Each structure stands twice: as C-alpha cells, then as structure tokens.
Amino acid sequence: MTELGGWLWAANLKGFMLAVSEIIGYEFDNADWDAIELGISQDPEKSGWFSYPLGSGGLEVFVSTTTEEGSIDLKIHVPDDVPCLPEKIGAAWMVFNQFTVSPEVEIL
C-alpha cells in the first residue's frame, strides 16, 4: 500500500473525488458525496480524520475534519497492484491545487 498525502483546497474536494473515481473506474454518485460531507462535518475533537473507501479495489481516502484557510489535509492509501495509479492520482491532485473548481460540480 502506498500512502499519498498533502493538502487540497476544501472547495475542490468534490471535484477531486470525482476525478479520482474516474481514474480508478468507480462510479462516484451523490450517496458517496453525501457520506463524505457527513463524515467531514463531524466534531474534529472526536477523531480528526474521516476515512472513506473508494470503490472495491482497496483505495481509501482520509480527509481531515478540520480546515485551515480554505484547505484540508488529505491522505490516500493506494493499492500497489495497479500500475501508475499513484502517479495518476498525484497528477489530478496537482491540477486540483492549481485551479479553482466549482463546489457545485455536477455528478452525471
């Protein structure tokens, strides 16, 4: 398992989750987003992190339940058996930290 970690603009989280889902071939839907929103709205004193398994291939996303100046901390556990997956996710992460994506991004 490879762990990727860093920060992400909080407003870009939904778009980033959609992009990562596309990369791994998972159909991210409103139920996924609702679960993530609920998880990160927890009292940060209780755990500090919310984890969410994305798809069935072993990828798990950890989102900090606290934000600082519009950014959040993020960790992603990536299975080692998928070639180039950490690099693909890293490229998406870079894009989502360079551009502002509407938090109203639509799930098709």
C-alpha atoms as a PDB file:
ATOM      1  CA  MET A   1       0.000   0.000   0.000  1.00  0.00           C
ATOM      2  CA  THR A   2       1.311   3.444  -0.944  1.00  0.00           C
ATOM      3  CA  GLU A   3       0.220   6.500   1.016  1.00  0.00           C
ATOM      4  CA  LEU A   4      -0.146   9.839  -0.733  1.00  0.00           C
ATOM      5  CA  GLY A   5      -0.588  12.856   1.480  1.00  0.00           C
ATOM      6  CA  GLY A   6      -0.852  16.599   1.397  1.00  0.00           C
ATOM      7  CA  TRP A   7      -3.350  19.390   1.276  1.00  0.00           C
ATOM      8  CA  LEU A   8      -6.207  20.247  -1.069  1.00  0.00           C
ATOM      9  CA  TRP A   9      -8.387  23.306  -1.469  1.00  0.00           C
ATOM     10  CA  ALA A  10     -11.511  22.360   0.507  1.00  0.00           C
ATOM     11  CA  ALA A  11     -13.810  23.746  -2.200  1.00  0.00           C
ATOM     12  CA  ASN A  12     -12.191  21.365  -4.725  1.00  0.00           C
ATOM     13  CA  LEU A  13     -12.781  18.170  -2.730  1.00  0.00           C
ATOM     14  CA  LYS A  14     -15.918  17.074  -4.578  1.00  0.00           C
ATOM     15  CA  GLY A  15     -14.338  17.587  -7.992  1.00  0.00           C
ATOM     16  CA  PHE A  16     -11.169  15.827  -6.873  1.00  0.00           C
ATOM     17  CA  MET A  17     -13.156  12.837  -5.614  1.00  0.00           C
ATOM     18  CA  LEU A  18     -14.926  12.678  -8.979  1.00  0.00           C
ATOM     19  CA  ALA A  19     -11.571  12.769 -10.793  1.00  0.00           C
ATOM     20  CA  VAL A  20     -10.021  10.044  -8.625  1.00  0.00           C
ATOM     21  CA  SER A  21     -13.138   7.928  -9.115  1.00  0.00           C
ATOM     22  CA  GLU A  22     -12.820   8.317 -12.868  1.00  0.00           C
ATOM     23  CA  ILE A  23      -9.154   7.301 -12.688  1.00  0.00           C
ATOM     24  CA  ILE A  24      -9.983   4.070 -10.837  1.00  0.00           C
ATOM     25  CA  GLY A  25     -13.121   3.301 -12.855  1.00  0.00           C
ATOM     26  CA  TYR A  26     -15.554   3.842  -9.987  1.00  0.00           C
ATOM     27  CA  GLU A  27     -18.939   5.497 -10.467  1.00  0.00           C
ATOM     28  CA  PHE A  28     -18.956   8.138  -7.742  1.00  0.00           C
ATOM     29  CA  ASP A  29     -22.512   9.243  -7.012  1.00  0.00           C
ATOM     30  CA  ASN A  30     -24.489  11.527  -4.739  1.00  0.00           C
ATOM     31  CA  ALA A  31     -24.616   8.892  -1.980  1.00  0.00           C
ATOM     32  CA  ASP A  32     -20.799   8.834  -1.916  1.00  0.00           C
ATOM     33  CA  TRP A  33     -20.625  12.604  -1.705  1.00  0.00           C
ATOM     34  CA  ASP A  34     -23.315  12.746   0.993  1.00  0.00           C
ATOM     35  CA  ALA A  35     -21.353  10.237   3.095  1.00  0.00           C
ATOM     36  CA  ILE A  36     -18.144  12.261   2.713  1.00  0.00           C
ATOM     37  CA  GLU A  37     -19.865  15.547   3.577  1.00  0.00           C
ATOM     38  CA  LEU A  38     -21.403  13.974   6.668  1.00  0.00           C
ATOM     39  CA  GLY A  39     -18.105  12.403   7.693  1.00  0.00           C
ATOM     40  CA  ILE A  40     -16.074  15.587   7.451  1.00  0.00           C
ATOM     41  CA  SER A  41     -18.708  17.591   9.311  1.00  0.00           C
ATOM     42  CA  GLN A  42     -18.026  15.501  12.454  1.00  0.00           C
ATOM     43  CA  ASP A  43     -16.706  17.201  15.537  1.00  0.00           C
ATOM     44  CA  PRO A  44     -12.941  17.366  14.900  1.00  0.00           C
ATOM     45  CA  GLU A  45     -12.301  16.688  18.586  1.00  0.00           C
ATOM     46  CA  LYS A  46     -13.743  13.176  18.170  1.00  0.00           C
ATOM     47  CA  SER A  47     -11.367  11.777  15.565  1.00  0.00           C
ATOM     48  CA  GLY A  48      -9.709  14.422  13.398  1.00  0.00           C
ATOM     49  CA  TRP A  49      -9.955  12.254  10.271  1.00  0.00           C
ATOM     50  CA  PHE A  50     -12.754  10.720   8.239  1.00  0.00           C
ATOM     51  CA  SER A  51     -11.934   7.708   6.077  1.00  0.00           C
ATOM     52  CA  TYR A  52     -13.890   6.573   3.056  1.00  0.00           C
ATOM     53  CA  PRO A  53     -13.220   3.515   0.874  1.00  0.00           C
ATOM     54  CA  LEU A  54     -13.476   4.494  -2.768  1.00  0.00           C
ATOM     55  CA  GLY A  55     -14.576   1.617  -4.959  1.00  0.00           C
ATOM     56  CA  SER A  56     -13.799  -2.006  -4.230  1.00  0.00           C
ATOM     57  CA  GLY A  57     -10.124  -2.072  -5.221  1.00  0.00           C
ATOM     58  CA  GLY A  58      -8.631  -1.140  -1.863  1.00  0.00           C
ATOM     59  CA  LEU A  59      -8.258   2.624  -2.342  1.00  0.00           C
ATOM     60  CA  GLU A  60      -9.131   4.561   0.811  1.00  0.00           C
ATOM     61  CA  VAL A  61      -9.348   8.317   1.254  1.00  0.00           C
ATOM     62  CA  PHE A  62      -8.717  10.031   4.606  1.00  0.00           C
ATOM     63  CA  VAL A  63      -9.982  13.597   4.926  1.00  0.00           C
ATOM     64  CA  SER A  64      -9.179  15.875   7.836  1.00  0.00           C
ATOM     65  CA  THR A  65     -12.276  17.075   9.639  1.00  0.00           C
ATOM     66  CA  THR A  66     -10.658  20.472  10.161  1.00  0.00           C
ATOM     67  CA  THR A  67      -9.917  23.158   7.594  1.00  0.00           C
ATOM     68  CA  GLU A  68      -7.329  25.896   7.701  1.00  0.00           C
ATOM     69  CA  GLU A  69      -7.644  28.955   5.494  1.00  0.00           C
ATOM     70  CA  GLY A  70      -9.754  27.059   2.960  1.00  0.00           C
ATOM     71  CA  SER A  71      -7.553  23.976   2.720  1.00  0.00           C
ATOM     72  CA  ILE A  72      -7.861  20.482   4.123  1.00  0.00           C
ATOM     73  CA  ASP A  73      -5.375  17.712   4.764  1.00  0.00           C
ATOM     74  CA  LEU A  74      -5.850  14.569   2.743  1.00  0.00           C
ATOM     75  CA  LYS A  75      -4.253  11.122   2.708  1.00  0.00           C
ATOM     76  CA  ILE A  76      -4.957   8.417   0.155  1.00  0.00           C
ATOM     77  CA  HIS A  77      -3.986   4.781   0.575  1.00  0.00           C
ATOM     78  CA  VAL A  78      -3.375   3.407  -2.904  1.00  0.00           C
ATOM     79  CA  PRO A  79      -3.056  -0.333  -3.613  1.00  0.00           C
ATOM     80  CA  ASP A  80       0.329  -1.265  -5.063  1.00  0.00           C
ATOM     81  CA  ASP A  81      -1.073  -3.710  -7.603  1.00  0.00           C
ATOM     82  CA  VAL A  82      -2.338  -1.039 -10.039  1.00  0.00           C
ATOM     83  CA  PRO A  83       0.470   0.285 -12.266  1.00  0.00           C
ATOM     84  CA  CYS A  84       0.934   4.075 -12.310  1.00  0.00           C
ATOM     85  CA  LEU A  85      -2.047   4.710 -10.007  1.00  0.00           C
ATOM     86  CA  PRO A  86      -0.128   6.885  -7.513  1.00  0.00           C
ATOM     87  CA  GLU A  87       1.213   8.990 -10.386  1.00  0.00           C
ATOM     88  CA  LYS A  88      -2.228   9.434 -11.944  1.00  0.00           C
ATOM     89  CA  ILE A  89      -3.761  10.480  -8.632  1.00  0.00           C
ATOM     90  CA  GLY A  90      -0.792  12.771  -7.983  1.00  0.00           C
ATOM     91  CA  ALA A  91      -1.334  14.489 -11.340  1.00  0.00           C
ATOM     92  CA  ALA A  92      -5.027  15.046 -10.564  1.00  0.00           C
ATOM     93  CA  TRP A  93      -4.094  16.351  -7.114  1.00  0.00           C
ATOM     94  CA  MET A  94      -1.703  18.873  -8.664  1.00  0.00           C
ATOM     95  CA  VAL A  95      -4.405  20.141 -11.034  1.00  0.00           C
ATOM     96  CA  PHE A  96      -6.977  20.490  -8.244  1.00  0.00           C
ATOM     97  CA  ASN A  97      -4.498  22.536  -6.209  1.00  0.00           C
ATOM     98  CA  GLN A  98      -3.701  24.848  -9.125  1.00  0.00           C
ATOM     99  CA  PHE A  99      -7.236  25.692 -10.254  1.00  0.00           C
ATOM    100  CA  THR A 100     -10.491  26.528  -8.541  1.00  0.00           C
ATOM    101  CA  VAL A 101     -13.253  24.053  -9.313  1.00  0.00           C
ATOM    102  CA  SER A 102     -16.844  24.967  -8.613  1.00  0.00           C
ATOM    103  CA  PRO A 103     -18.091  23.236  -5.449  1.00  0.00           C
ATOM    104  CA  GLU A 104     -21.353  22.863  -7.342  1.00  0.00           C
ATOM    105  CA  VAL A 105     -19.748  20.435  -9.813  1.00  0.00           C
ATOM    106  CA  GLU A 106     -22.424  18.076 -11.105  1.00  0.00           C
ATOM    107  CA  ILE A 107     -22.295  14.317 -10.794  1.00  0.00           C
ATOM    108  CA  LEU A 108     -23.504  12.906 -14.103  1.00  0.00           C
END
